[in-house]
Amino acid sequence: MIARIVLIAGLLAAGLGMAACENTVRGFGQDTQKAGQGIQQSVPPERQTQPQPMQ
């Protein structure tokens, strides 16, 4: 009985931890994207270049 309660509590904690981790990773990705957009907007249009394809 106690083992079952411990197992359920462990699974619940793991599920909540995974949900929090996903939100953290998603938030970090959005912050990185916003930072990249800010950098692109700070460069004058005449200085912007397109990435060259790798050979």
C-alpha atoms as a PDB file:
ATOM      1  CA  MET A   1       0.000   0.000   0.000  1.00  0.00           C
ATOM      2  CA  ILE A   2       2.721   2.458   0.965  1.00  0.00           C
ATOM      3  CA  ALA A   3       4.761   1.448  -2.073  1.00  0.00           C
ATOM      4  CA  ARG A   4       1.784   2.210  -4.318  1.00  0.00           C
ATOM      5  CA  ILE A   5       1.361   5.676  -2.768  1.00  0.00           C
ATOM      6  CA  VAL A   6       5.080   6.369  -3.172  1.00  0.00           C
ATOM      7  CA  LEU A   7       4.918   5.200  -6.800  1.00  0.00           C
ATOM      8  CA  ILE A   8       1.927   7.419  -7.563  1.00  0.00           C
ATOM      9  CA  ALA A   9       3.570  10.411  -5.859  1.00  0.00           C
ATOM     10  CA  GLY A  10       6.773   9.797  -7.813  1.00  0.00           C
ATOM     11  CA  LEU A  11       4.943   9.595 -11.135  1.00  0.00           C
ATOM     12  CA  LEU A  12       3.006  12.750 -10.326  1.00  0.00           C
ATOM     13  CA  ALA A  13       6.195  14.615  -9.415  1.00  0.00           C
ATOM     14  CA  ALA A  14       7.917  13.396 -12.590  1.00  0.00           C
ATOM     15  CA  GLY A  15       4.966  14.532 -14.717  1.00  0.00           C
ATOM     16  CA  LEU A  16       4.932  17.967 -13.161  1.00  0.00           C
ATOM     17  CA  GLY A  17       8.697  18.231 -13.568  1.00  0.00           C
ATOM     18  CA  MET A  18       8.491  17.361 -17.252  1.00  0.00           C
ATOM     19  CA  ALA A  19       5.754  19.950 -17.810  1.00  0.00           C
ATOM     20  CA  ALA A  20       7.835  22.626 -16.098  1.00  0.00           C
ATOM     21  CA  CYS A  21      10.890  21.657 -18.138  1.00  0.00           C
ATOM     22  CA  GLU A  22       8.957  21.926 -21.408  1.00  0.00           C
ATOM     23  CA  ASN A  23       7.737  25.415 -20.477  1.00  0.00           C
ATOM     24  CA  THR A  24      11.276  26.482 -19.566  1.00  0.00           C
ATOM     25  CA  VAL A  25      12.706  25.255 -22.860  1.00  0.00           C
ATOM     26  CA  ARG A  26       9.885  26.861 -24.839  1.00  0.00           C
ATOM     27  CA  GLY A  27      10.378  30.159 -22.978  1.00  0.00           C
ATOM     28  CA  PHE A  28      14.128  30.071 -23.602  1.00  0.00           C
ATOM     29  CA  GLY A  29      13.516  29.499 -27.312  1.00  0.00           C
ATOM     30  CA  GLN A  30      11.111  32.430 -27.484  1.00  0.00           C
ATOM     31  CA  ASP A  31      13.583  34.685 -25.658  1.00  0.00           C
ATOM     32  CA  THR A  32      16.345  33.693 -28.069  1.00  0.00           C
ATOM     33  CA  GLN A  33      14.103  34.369 -31.056  1.00  0.00           C
ATOM     34  CA  LYS A  34      13.148  37.806 -29.707  1.00  0.00           C
ATOM     35  CA  ALA A  35      16.814  38.637 -29.123  1.00  0.00           C
ATOM     36  CA  GLY A  36      17.652  37.663 -32.712  1.00  0.00           C
ATOM     37  CA  GLN A  37      14.845  39.823 -34.035  1.00  0.00           C
ATOM     38  CA  GLY A  38      16.086  42.744 -31.944  1.00  0.00           C
ATOM     39  CA  ILE A  39      19.580  42.353 -33.358  1.00  0.00           C
ATOM     40  CA  GLN A  40      18.256  42.217 -36.917  1.00  0.00           C
ATOM     41  CA  GLN A  41      16.187  45.357 -36.374  1.00  0.00           C
ATOM     42  CA  SER A  42      19.176  47.230 -34.917  1.00  0.00           C
ATOM     43  CA  VAL A  43      21.275  46.750 -38.079  1.00  0.00           C
ATOM     44  CA  PRO A  44      20.677  49.416 -40.748  1.00  0.00           C
ATOM     45  CA  PRO A  45      19.072  47.984 -43.926  1.00  0.00           C
ATOM     46  CA  GLU A  46      22.086  48.796 -46.098  1.00  0.00           C
ATOM     47  CA  ARG A  47      24.342  46.692 -43.836  1.00  0.00           C
ATOM     48  CA  GLN A  48      22.106  43.622 -43.779  1.00  0.00           C
ATOM     49  CA  THR A  49      23.317  40.688 -45.825  1.00  0.00           C
ATOM     50  CA  GLN A  50      21.760  37.380 -46.706  1.00  0.00           C
ATOM     51  CA  PRO A  51      23.501  34.213 -45.503  1.00  0.00           C
ATOM     52  CA  GLN A  52      25.595  32.579 -48.191  1.00  0.00           C
ATOM     53  CA  PRO A  53      24.966  28.890 -48.945  1.00  0.00           C
ATOM     54  CA  MET A  54      27.675  26.498 -47.772  1.00  0.00           C
ATOM     55  CA  GLN A  55      29.745  24.832 -50.482  1.00  0.00           C
END
